[in-house]
Amino acid sequence: MRGQNKIPKRMDSPRIIVHKADRRLELFDGENLIKTYPIALGKAPLGDKMEEGDRKTPEGDFYIFGKNPNSNYHLGLGISYPDVADAKRGLESGIVSKQEMEQIEAAITNRGMPPQKTKLGGEIYIHGGGTASDWTHGCIALSDADMTELYGAIDKGSSITILK
């Protein structure tokens, strides 16, 4: 499946779907599958991210809040985790404050960067560094060459769905 199409210079509606169980990332333009990439995940890849340090990759619907050309792992696309549902769960379980929940809600409403240093975790990115094994702290890793290609195709605000 990898490399089935050349990425167009400009896409109208780029979006990403990640299939954690299959270790693959799919790049779409609208409903058209453009390319599939192999990925690596966190060291504890099963299940949804619940808290900082669990090394799980979150599941759900997110967006790319920013692009980091100076990532320690080649390039980075910031994923809007934690989201509102995570914030509410965190408040109910006592791991985030009402103020933190409100900050997360405001960031998501404005499609900005949610707070990245809460007990829910944060700093979840798509980045380079390789796919030989699951090695991240909850991020999604690609080869550096694949990350360069994906980074050029994705805009800030693009949607990303992360499935089991």
Protein backbone atom coordinates (compact mmCIF):
# COMPACT_ATOMS: atom_id res chain seq x y z
CA MET A 1 0.00 0.00 0.00
CA ARG A 2 2.86 2.37 0.69
CA GLY A 3 3.60 4.93 -1.97
CA GLN A 4 0.55 4.24 -4.09
CA ASN A 5 0.26 7.87 -5.20
CA LYS A 6 2.43 10.91 -5.52
CA ILE A 7 1.40 13.66 -3.15
CA PRO A 8 -0.03 16.60 -5.08
CA LYS A 9 1.72 19.95 -4.64
CA ARG A 10 -1.45 21.36 -3.10
CA MET A 11 -4.30 19.44 -1.51
CA ASP A 12 -7.74 20.97 -0.96
CA SER A 13 -8.62 19.13 2.24
CA PRO A 14 -5.68 17.20 3.75
CA ARG A 15 -6.50 14.92 6.66
CA ILE A 16 -4.92 12.01 8.47
CA ILE A 17 -6.29 8.73 9.77
CA VAL A 18 -4.06 6.62 12.03
CA HIS A 19 -4.74 2.92 12.55
CA LYS A 20 -2.82 2.08 15.73
CA ALA A 21 -3.36 -1.69 15.57
CA ASP A 22 -2.04 -1.85 12.01
CA ARG A 23 0.78 0.69 12.62
CA ARG A 24 -0.22 2.77 9.63
CA LEU A 25 -0.99 6.39 8.89
CA GLU A 26 -3.18 7.28 5.93
CA LEU A 27 -3.03 10.67 4.22
CA PHE A 28 -6.24 11.74 2.52
CA ASP A 29 -7.28 14.68 0.40
CA GLY A 30 -10.97 14.84 1.23
CA GLU A 31 -12.21 11.29 0.67
CA ASN A 32 -9.32 10.30 -1.63
CA LEU A 33 -6.57 8.19 -0.10
CA ILE A 34 -3.29 9.72 -1.23
CA LYS A 35 -0.66 7.65 0.58
CA THR A 36 -0.12 5.19 3.42
CA TYR A 37 2.89 5.29 5.77
CA PRO A 38 4.21 2.77 8.32
CA ILE A 39 4.42 4.18 11.87
CA ALA A 40 5.69 3.45 15.36
CA LEU A 41 3.79 4.35 18.53
CA GLY A 42 4.37 4.69 22.24
CA LYS A 43 5.95 1.87 24.21
CA ALA A 44 2.48 0.97 25.60
CA PRO A 45 0.45 1.18 22.39
CA LEU A 46 -2.76 -0.58 23.46
CA GLY A 47 -5.62 1.55 24.73
CA ASP A 48 -6.31 5.27 24.87
CA LYS A 49 -4.02 7.79 26.55
CA MET A 50 -5.28 8.49 30.07
CA GLU A 51 -2.50 10.35 31.85
CA GLU A 52 1.00 11.72 31.61
CA GLY A 53 3.67 9.05 31.45
CA ASP A 54 1.46 6.12 30.38
CA ARG A 55 3.27 6.00 26.98
CA LYS A 56 -0.04 5.52 25.17
CA THR A 57 -1.04 7.25 21.97
CA PRO A 58 -4.41 9.01 22.33
CA GLU A 59 -7.45 7.90 20.35
CA GLY A 60 -10.16 10.12 18.90
CA ASP A 61 -10.65 13.11 16.66
CA PHE A 62 -8.07 15.88 16.83
CA TYR A 63 -6.47 18.56 14.64
CA ILE A 64 -2.93 19.69 13.94
CA PHE A 65 -2.37 22.72 16.18
CA GLY A 66 1.09 23.58 14.86
CA LYS A 67 4.17 22.61 12.88
CA ASN A 68 7.62 22.34 14.45
CA PRO A 69 10.51 22.58 11.98
CA ASN A 70 13.00 22.25 14.87
CA SER A 71 11.78 19.00 16.43
CA ASN A 72 14.33 16.79 18.18
CA TYR A 73 12.93 14.06 15.91
CA HIS A 74 13.39 15.68 12.50
CA LEU A 75 10.05 17.55 12.09
CA GLY A 76 6.87 17.67 14.15
CA LEU A 77 3.13 18.10 13.73
CA GLY A 78 1.41 18.92 17.03
CA ILE A 79 -1.76 16.94 17.82
CA SER A 80 -4.51 18.73 19.80
CA TYR A 81 -4.38 16.42 22.82
CA PRO A 82 -5.83 16.73 25.43
CA ASP A 83 -9.28 17.52 24.05
CA VAL A 84 -12.50 18.57 25.81
CA ALA A 85 -13.58 14.99 26.63
CA ASP A 86 -10.13 14.31 28.13
CA ALA A 87 -10.37 17.52 30.17
CA LYS A 88 -13.80 16.58 31.55
CA ARG A 89 -12.57 13.08 32.40
CA GLY A 90 -9.52 14.60 34.07
CA LEU A 91 -11.65 16.97 36.15
CA GLU A 92 -13.99 14.15 37.21
CA SER A 93 -11.05 11.96 38.23
CA GLY A 94 -9.28 14.81 40.01
CA ILE A 95 -6.13 14.91 37.89
CA VAL A 96 -6.81 18.35 36.38
CA SER A 97 -8.23 21.47 37.97
CA LYS A 98 -11.32 23.36 36.81
CA GLN A 99 -8.98 26.09 35.54
CA GLU A 100 -6.96 23.56 33.49
CA MET A 101 -10.18 22.10 32.08
CA GLU A 102 -11.34 25.59 31.07
CA GLN A 103 -7.96 26.33 29.44
CA ILE A 104 -8.20 23.11 27.43
CA GLU A 105 -11.79 23.89 26.40
CA ALA A 106 -10.83 27.43 25.30
CA ALA A 107 -7.88 26.17 23.26
CA ILE A 108 -10.00 23.55 21.51
CA THR A 109 -12.81 26.03 20.83
CA ASN A 110 -10.28 28.40 19.23
CA ARG A 111 -8.44 25.54 17.45
CA GLY A 112 -5.26 26.48 19.22
CA MET A 113 -2.68 24.54 21.20
CA PRO A 114 -4.17 22.97 24.34
CA PRO A 115 -2.09 23.13 27.53
CA GLN A 116 0.72 20.64 27.07
CA LYS A 117 1.90 20.16 30.67
CA THR A 118 -1.11 18.72 32.50
CA LYS A 119 -1.40 15.41 34.32
CA LEU A 120 -3.42 14.19 31.32
CA GLY A 121 -0.20 14.39 29.33
CA GLY A 122 0.56 16.44 26.27
CA GLU A 123 3.24 17.13 23.71
CA ILE A 124 1.80 14.46 21.42
CA TYR A 125 3.26 14.86 17.94
CA ILE A 126 3.65 13.12 14.64
CA HIS A 127 7.41 13.21 14.08
CA GLY A 128 10.36 11.48 12.46
CA GLY A 129 12.86 9.18 14.10
CA GLY A 130 11.98 5.82 12.62
CA THR A 131 9.52 2.96 12.72
CA ALA A 132 11.64 -0.09 13.66
CA SER A 133 9.70 -0.60 16.94
CA ASP A 134 7.30 1.20 19.27
CA TRP A 135 9.60 3.63 21.08
CA THR A 136 7.89 6.98 21.67
CA HIS A 137 6.30 8.37 24.82
CA GLY A 138 2.91 8.38 23.04
CA CYS A 139 3.72 10.14 19.79
CA ILE A 140 3.38 8.78 16.25
CA ALA A 141 6.74 8.26 14.54
CA LEU A 142 7.55 7.94 10.85
CA SER A 143 10.83 7.59 9.00
CA ASP A 144 12.51 10.97 8.49
CA ALA A 145 11.91 10.80 4.72
CA ASP A 146 8.21 10.02 5.19
CA MET A 147 7.94 12.76 7.82
CA THR A 148 9.43 15.30 5.41
CA GLU A 149 6.80 14.36 2.84
CA LEU A 150 3.88 14.40 5.31
CA TYR A 151 5.04 17.68 6.91
CA GLY A 152 4.92 19.36 3.50
CA ALA A 153 1.41 18.05 2.81
CA ILE A 154 -0.30 18.93 6.10
CA ASP A 155 -1.49 22.38 7.13
CA LYS A 156 -2.11 23.73 10.60
CA GLY A 157 -5.76 22.94 11.38
CA SER A 158 -5.84 19.70 9.37
CA SER A 159 -7.91 16.97 11.00
CA ILE A 160 -6.47 13.76 12.39
CA THR A 161 -8.43 10.74 13.58
CA ILE A 162 -6.57 8.16 15.66
CA LEU A 163 -8.26 4.75 15.76
CA LYS A 164 -7.52 1.66 17.85
